[in-house]
Amino acid sequence: METSKAETHVYYMLHKPFGYLSQFMSNANHERNKKFLGELYEFPEGVMPVGRLDKNSEGLLLLTTDGFLSNQINSSQVEKEYYVQVDGAITPSAIAALQTSVNIGFKGIKYDTKPCKVFALESPPELPERSKKIRDARHGPTSWLSITINEGKFRQVRKMTSAVGFPTLRLVRVRIGTIHLNRMAPGEVIKLDELKVD
């Protein structure tokens, strides 16, 4: 009897906390004392994160042993939504620029981002407090945005907000396709029977 694809692969969703690398180990000397995903949960052998969140970013991270599915999720067909706290009171012109296209650097080459969905959140989202505190209001106003992209260049969202003059202070991925972070706590892992993002 053949084993189905769903039975041969495993699937997880994780709320990656601030300060963790989206990998299980590193041979690089400068990363020897970093925090890795394996410290959060005993994942079975062969599990790999689907895409990455940089060390200072938080939120939804999917993990699986299914390389084919991983490539599908990383493709431009699947939306990734982020809640982004930026430094300053965001302007309509900055939002319009983010929605249309901004020029960022990627591996030493200038790159024009694709049009994407961006809007200001009317109030700060309900998120767990970050382990490392954000600067307080005495240093000036901040704004929260929802940014949904279909691409994922290295540190793209951070580079986009910086390009329009509003550096990112906090970045949390809240959705990949139809899978939402919801109220998962930082470090929480949920094992899934299957993984569908559409």
C-alpha atoms as a PDB file:
ATOM      1  CA  MET A   1       0.000   0.000   0.000  1.00  0.00           C
ATOM      2  CA  GLU A   2       1.456   3.367  -1.011  1.00  0.00           C
ATOM      3  CA  THR A   3       1.933   6.071   1.571  1.00  0.00           C
ATOM      4  CA  SER A   4       0.238   9.329   0.643  1.00  0.00           C
ATOM      5  CA  LYS A   5       2.184  12.554   0.258  1.00  0.00           C
ATOM      6  CA  ALA A   6       0.414  14.006   3.313  1.00  0.00           C
ATOM      7  CA  GLU A   7       1.697  11.113   5.446  1.00  0.00           C
ATOM      8  CA  THR A   8       5.281  11.272   4.269  1.00  0.00           C
ATOM      9  CA  HIS A   9       5.770  14.949   5.095  1.00  0.00           C
ATOM     10  CA  VAL A  10       5.333  16.948   8.274  1.00  0.00           C
ATOM     11  CA  TYR A  11       4.139  20.533   8.643  1.00  0.00           C
ATOM     12  CA  TYR A  12       4.474  23.130  11.385  1.00  0.00           C
ATOM     13  CA  MET A  13       3.655  26.753  12.010  1.00  0.00           C
ATOM     14  CA  LEU A  14       5.800  28.731  14.434  1.00  0.00           C
ATOM     15  CA  HIS A  15       5.702  32.206  15.952  1.00  0.00           C
ATOM     16  CA  LYS A  16       9.365  33.084  15.550  1.00  0.00           C
ATOM     17  CA  PRO A  17      10.443  35.290  18.432  1.00  0.00           C
ATOM     18  CA  PHE A  18      12.678  38.341  18.165  1.00  0.00           C
ATOM     19  CA  GLY A  19      16.380  37.468  18.278  1.00  0.00           C
ATOM     20  CA  TYR A  20      16.233  33.991  16.705  1.00  0.00           C
ATOM     21  CA  LEU A  21      17.757  33.022  13.359  1.00  0.00           C
ATOM     22  CA  SER A  22      15.474  31.178  10.903  1.00  0.00           C
ATOM     23  CA  GLN A  23      17.753  28.138  10.827  1.00  0.00           C
ATOM     24  CA  PHE A  24      18.763  25.202  12.992  1.00  0.00           C
ATOM     25  CA  MET A  25      22.515  25.661  13.141  1.00  0.00           C
ATOM     26  CA  SER A  26      25.422  27.590  11.686  1.00  0.00           C
ATOM     27  CA  ASN A  27      29.096  26.867  11.162  1.00  0.00           C
ATOM     28  CA  ALA A  28      29.912  30.576  10.932  1.00  0.00           C
ATOM     29  CA  ASN A  29      32.079  31.803  13.811  1.00  0.00           C
ATOM     30  CA  HIS A  30      30.119  35.049  14.150  1.00  0.00           C
ATOM     31  CA  GLU A  31      26.874  33.080  14.610  1.00  0.00           C
ATOM     32  CA  ARG A  32      28.168  30.606  17.180  1.00  0.00           C
ATOM     33  CA  ASN A  33      26.344  32.252  20.087  1.00  0.00           C
ATOM     34  CA  LYS A  34      23.112  33.010  18.235  1.00  0.00           C
ATOM     35  CA  LYS A  35      19.696  31.548  19.002  1.00  0.00           C
ATOM     36  CA  PHE A  36      18.343  28.899  16.610  1.00  0.00           C
ATOM     37  CA  LEU A  37      14.922  27.355  15.939  1.00  0.00           C
ATOM     38  CA  GLY A  38      15.908  23.998  17.419  1.00  0.00           C
ATOM     39  CA  GLU A  39      15.941  25.625  20.871  1.00  0.00           C
ATOM     40  CA  LEU A  40      12.182  26.224  20.606  1.00  0.00           C
ATOM     41  CA  TYR A  41      10.933  22.730  19.715  1.00  0.00           C
ATOM     42  CA  GLU A  42      12.200  19.246  18.959  1.00  0.00           C
ATOM     43  CA  PHE A  43      11.606  19.231  15.217  1.00  0.00           C
ATOM     44  CA  PRO A  44      12.147  15.903  13.393  1.00  0.00           C
ATOM     45  CA  GLU A  45      15.080  15.468  11.062  1.00  0.00           C
ATOM     46  CA  GLY A  46      14.653  16.988   7.601  1.00  0.00           C
ATOM     47  CA  VAL A  47      12.367  19.847   8.649  1.00  0.00           C
ATOM     48  CA  MET A  48      13.353  23.172   7.105  1.00  0.00           C
ATOM     49  CA  PRO A  49      11.873  26.679   7.395  1.00  0.00           C
ATOM     50  CA  VAL A  50       9.892  27.895   4.383  1.00  0.00           C
ATOM     51  CA  GLY A  51      11.624  31.178   3.603  1.00  0.00           C
ATOM     52  CA  ARG A  52      13.133  33.202   6.420  1.00  0.00           C
ATOM     53  CA  LEU A  53      12.611  36.027   8.834  1.00  0.00           C
ATOM     54  CA  ASP A  54      15.736  37.930   9.804  1.00  0.00           C
ATOM     55  CA  LYS A  55      16.971  37.847  13.413  1.00  0.00           C
ATOM     56  CA  ASN A  56      15.166  41.055  14.422  1.00  0.00           C
ATOM     57  CA  SER A  57      11.863  40.131  12.754  1.00  0.00           C
ATOM     58  CA  GLU A  58       9.063  38.142  14.354  1.00  0.00           C
ATOM     59  CA  GLY A  59       5.950  36.266  13.432  1.00  0.00           C
ATOM     60  CA  LEU A  60       4.674  33.459  11.279  1.00  0.00           C
ATOM     61  CA  LEU A  61       7.198  30.944  10.002  1.00  0.00           C
ATOM     62  CA  LEU A  62       6.167  27.714   8.294  1.00  0.00           C
ATOM     63  CA  LEU A  63       8.326  24.601   8.429  1.00  0.00           C
ATOM     64  CA  THR A  64       8.083  21.359   6.477  1.00  0.00           C
ATOM     65  CA  THR A  65       9.995  18.448   4.988  1.00  0.00           C
ATOM     66  CA  ASP A  66       8.221  19.044   1.646  1.00  0.00           C
ATOM     67  CA  GLY A  67      10.649  20.891  -0.637  1.00  0.00           C
ATOM     68  CA  PHE A  68       8.139  21.115  -3.494  1.00  0.00           C
ATOM     69  CA  LEU A  69       5.565  22.822  -1.268  1.00  0.00           C
ATOM     70  CA  SER A  70       8.261  25.092   0.153  1.00  0.00           C
ATOM     71  CA  ASN A  71       9.118  26.317  -3.346  1.00  0.00           C
ATOM     72  CA  GLN A  72       5.428  26.937  -4.066  1.00  0.00           C
ATOM     73  CA  ILE A  73       5.001  29.035  -0.916  1.00  0.00           C
ATOM     74  CA  ASN A  74       8.156  31.028  -1.661  1.00  0.00           C
ATOM     75  CA  SER A  75       6.905  31.824  -5.161  1.00  0.00           C
ATOM     76  CA  SER A  76       5.311  35.102  -6.167  1.00  0.00           C
ATOM     77  CA  GLN A  77       1.901  33.400  -6.175  1.00  0.00           C
ATOM     78  CA  VAL A  78       1.584  33.489  -2.377  1.00  0.00           C
ATOM     79  CA  GLU A  79       1.047  36.710  -0.408  1.00  0.00           C
ATOM     80  CA  LYS A  80       2.987  37.497   2.755  1.00  0.00           C
ATOM     81  CA  GLU A  81       1.492  40.136   5.068  1.00  0.00           C
ATOM     82  CA  TYR A  82       3.483  42.056   7.668  1.00  0.00           C
ATOM     83  CA  TYR A  83       2.543  44.458  10.430  1.00  0.00           C
ATOM     84  CA  VAL A  84       5.285  47.060  10.474  1.00  0.00           C
ATOM     85  CA  GLN A  85       5.959  49.722  13.080  1.00  0.00           C
ATOM     86  CA  VAL A  86       7.895  52.605  11.532  1.00  0.00           C
ATOM     87  CA  ASP A  87       9.669  55.612  12.969  1.00  0.00           C
ATOM     88  CA  GLY A  88       7.616  58.762  12.419  1.00  0.00           C
ATOM     89  CA  ALA A  89       4.077  59.741  11.437  1.00  0.00           C
ATOM     90  CA  ILE A  90       3.610  58.048   8.059  1.00  0.00           C
ATOM     91  CA  THR A  91       2.434  60.296   5.200  1.00  0.00           C
ATOM     92  CA  PRO A  92      -0.009  59.520   2.386  1.00  0.00           C
ATOM     93  CA  SER A  93       2.754  60.142  -0.164  1.00  0.00           C
ATOM     94  CA  ALA A  94       5.025  57.581   1.526  1.00  0.00           C
ATOM     95  CA  ILE A  95       2.208  55.012   1.523  1.00  0.00           C
ATOM     96  CA  ALA A  96       1.522  55.722  -2.158  1.00  0.00           C
ATOM     97  CA  ALA A  97       5.216  55.240  -2.981  1.00  0.00           C
ATOM     98  CA  LEU A  98       5.318  51.913  -1.122  1.00  0.00           C
ATOM     99  CA  GLN A  99       2.175  50.751  -2.940  1.00  0.00           C
ATOM    100  CA  THR A 100       3.585  51.634  -6.352  1.00  0.00           C
ATOM    101  CA  SER A 101       7.326  50.851  -6.309  1.00  0.00           C
ATOM    102  CA  VAL A 102      10.444  51.920  -4.471  1.00  0.00           C
ATOM    103  CA  ASN A 103      14.093  51.465  -5.371  1.00  0.00           C
ATOM    104  CA  ILE A 104      16.114  49.324  -2.963  1.00  0.00           C
ATOM    105  CA  GLY A 105      19.520  47.674  -3.020  1.00  0.00           C
ATOM    106  CA  PHE A 106      19.800  43.902  -3.350  1.00  0.00           C
ATOM    107  CA  LYS A 107      23.206  42.180  -3.534  1.00  0.00           C
ATOM    108  CA  GLY A 108      24.782  45.421  -4.711  1.00  0.00           C
ATOM    109  CA  ILE A 109      22.210  45.900  -7.472  1.00  0.00           C
ATOM    110  CA  LYS A 110      19.389  48.457  -7.470  1.00  0.00           C
ATOM    111  CA  TYR A 111      15.952  46.875  -7.583  1.00  0.00           C
ATOM    112  CA  ASP A 112      12.461  48.329  -8.131  1.00  0.00           C
ATOM    113  CA  THR A 113       9.909  46.603  -5.943  1.00  0.00           C
ATOM    114  CA  LYS A 114       6.673  45.344  -7.457  1.00  0.00           C
ATOM    115  CA  PRO A 115       3.352  47.035  -6.643  1.00  0.00           C
ATOM    116  CA  CYS A 116       1.961  45.803  -3.337  1.00  0.00           C
ATOM    117  CA  LYS A 117      -0.813  46.377  -0.796  1.00  0.00           C
ATOM    118  CA  VAL A 118      -0.026  48.952   1.906  1.00  0.00           C
ATOM    119  CA  PHE A 119      -2.283  50.785   4.330  1.00  0.00           C
ATOM    120  CA  ALA A 120      -1.930  52.465   7.718  1.00  0.00           C
ATOM    121  CA  LEU A 121      -3.436  50.675  10.708  1.00  0.00           C
ATOM    122  CA  GLU A 122      -5.807  52.917  12.650  1.00  0.00           C
ATOM    123  CA  SER A 123      -4.506  51.624  15.989  1.00  0.00           C
ATOM    124  CA  PRO A 124      -1.547  49.482  17.066  1.00  0.00           C
ATOM    125  CA  PRO A 125      -2.229  45.774  16.484  1.00  0.00           C
ATOM    126  CA  GLU A 126      -2.669  43.431  19.436  1.00  0.00           C
ATOM    127  CA  LEU A 127       0.716  41.740  19.512  1.00  0.00           C
ATOM    128  CA  PRO A 128       2.712  40.229  22.368  1.00  0.00           C
ATOM    129  CA  GLU A 129       5.254  42.612  23.859  1.00  0.00           C
ATOM    130  CA  ARG A 130       8.635  42.167  22.230  1.00  0.00           C
ATOM    131  CA  SER A 131      11.473  40.752  24.342  1.00  0.00           C
ATOM    132  CA  LYS A 132      13.611  43.782  23.505  1.00  0.00           C
ATOM    133  CA  LYS A 133      11.656  46.967  24.054  1.00  0.00           C
ATOM    134  CA  ILE A 134      10.998  49.417  21.233  1.00  0.00           C
ATOM    135  CA  ARG A 135      11.942  53.004  21.951  1.00  0.00           C
ATOM    136  CA  ASP A 136       9.173  54.899  23.753  1.00  0.00           C
ATOM    137  CA  ALA A 137       6.985  57.819  22.659  1.00  0.00           C
ATOM    138  CA  ARG A 138       9.381  60.385  24.135  1.00  0.00           C
ATOM    139  CA  HIS A 139      11.503  59.902  21.010  1.00  0.00           C
ATOM    140  CA  GLY A 140       8.692  60.943  18.684  1.00  0.00           C
ATOM    141  CA  PRO A 141       5.655  59.332  17.026  1.00  0.00           C
ATOM    142  CA  THR A 142       5.553  55.952  15.359  1.00  0.00           C
ATOM    143  CA  SER A 143       3.088  54.453  12.866  1.00  0.00           C
ATOM    144  CA  TRP A 144       1.827  50.950  12.148  1.00  0.00           C
ATOM    145  CA  LEU A 145       1.345  49.686   8.593  1.00  0.00           C
ATOM    146  CA  SER A 146       0.068  46.554   6.926  1.00  0.00           C
ATOM    147  CA  ILE A 147       2.353  45.645   4.017  1.00  0.00           C
ATOM    148  CA  THR A 148       1.494  42.664   1.806  1.00  0.00           C
ATOM    149  CA  ILE A 149       4.056  41.566  -0.774  1.00  0.00           C
ATOM    150  CA  ASN A 150       4.313  38.721  -3.272  1.00  0.00           C
ATOM    151  CA  GLU A 151       8.086  38.723  -3.362  1.00  0.00           C
ATOM    152  CA  GLY A 152      10.690  38.303  -0.684  1.00  0.00           C
ATOM    153  CA  LYS A 153      14.050  39.896  -1.311  1.00  0.00           C
ATOM    154  CA  PHE A 154      16.473  39.945   1.625  1.00  0.00           C
ATOM    155  CA  ARG A 155      15.182  42.379   4.288  1.00  0.00           C
ATOM    156  CA  GLN A 156      12.843  43.781   1.636  1.00  0.00           C
ATOM    157  CA  VAL A 157      10.176  45.343   3.865  1.00  0.00           C
ATOM    158  CA  ARG A 158      12.786  47.061   6.034  1.00  0.00           C
ATOM    159  CA  LYS A 159      14.519  48.435   2.950  1.00  0.00           C
ATOM    160  CA  MET A 160      11.202  49.629   1.501  1.00  0.00           C
ATOM    161  CA  THR A 161      10.162  51.667   4.536  1.00  0.00           C
ATOM    162  CA  SER A 162      13.660  53.108   4.858  1.00  0.00           C
ATOM    163  CA  ALA A 163      13.591  54.130   1.181  1.00  0.00           C
ATOM    164  CA  VAL A 164      10.561  56.367   1.836  1.00  0.00           C
ATOM    165  CA  GLY A 165      12.089  57.882   4.981  1.00  0.00           C
ATOM    166  CA  PHE A 166      10.379  55.795   7.679  1.00  0.00           C
ATOM    167  CA  PRO A 167      12.784  53.186   9.101  1.00  0.00           C
ATOM    168  CA  THR A 168      11.254  49.998  10.485  1.00  0.00           C
ATOM    169  CA  LEU A 169      11.281  49.661  14.277  1.00  0.00           C
ATOM    170  CA  ARG A 170       9.366  46.380  14.513  1.00  0.00           C
ATOM    171  CA  LEU A 171       8.339  43.857  11.869  1.00  0.00           C
ATOM    172  CA  VAL A 172       5.905  40.972  12.427  1.00  0.00           C
ATOM    173  CA  ARG A 173       4.748  38.589   9.681  1.00  0.00           C
ATOM    174  CA  VAL A 174       1.079  37.893  10.384  1.00  0.00           C
ATOM    175  CA  ARG A 175      -0.014  35.925   7.306  1.00  0.00           C
ATOM    176  CA  ILE A 176       1.298  33.603   4.586  1.00  0.00           C
ATOM    177  CA  GLY A 177      -1.414  32.979   1.996  1.00  0.00           C
ATOM    178  CA  THR A 178      -4.470  31.929   4.014  1.00  0.00           C
ATOM    179  CA  ILE A 179      -2.516  30.920   7.131  1.00  0.00           C
ATOM    180  CA  HIS A 180      -2.672  33.526   9.906  1.00  0.00           C
ATOM    181  CA  LEU A 181      -0.503  34.035  12.968  1.00  0.00           C
ATOM    182  CA  ASN A 182      -3.621  34.812  15.014  1.00  0.00           C
ATOM    183  CA  ARG A 183      -2.866  34.795  18.743  1.00  0.00           C
ATOM    184  CA  MET A 184       0.074  32.402  18.781  1.00  0.00           C
ATOM    185  CA  ALA A 185       2.577  33.274  21.500  1.00  0.00           C
ATOM    186  CA  PRO A 186       6.244  33.911  20.632  1.00  0.00           C
ATOM    187  CA  GLY A 187       7.996  30.547  20.454  1.00  0.00           C
ATOM    188  CA  GLU A 188       4.732  28.601  20.134  1.00  0.00           C
ATOM    189  CA  VAL A 189       4.717  25.733  17.611  1.00  0.00           C
ATOM    190  CA  ILE A 190       1.606  24.102  16.108  1.00  0.00           C
ATOM    191  CA  LYS A 191       1.882  20.799  14.214  1.00  0.00           C
ATOM    192  CA  LEU A 192      -0.440  20.714  11.194  1.00  0.00           C
ATOM    193  CA  ASP A 193      -1.998  17.702   9.474  1.00  0.00           C
ATOM    194  CA  GLU A 194      -1.544  19.450   6.126  1.00  0.00           C
ATOM    195  CA  LEU A 195      -0.332  22.751   4.811  1.00  0.00           C
ATOM    196  CA  LYS A 196      -2.513  24.731   2.403  1.00  0.00           C
ATOM    197  CA  VAL A 197      -1.880  28.400   1.776  1.00  0.00           C
ATOM    198  CA  ASP A 198      -4.635  29.049  -0.792  1.00  0.00           C
END
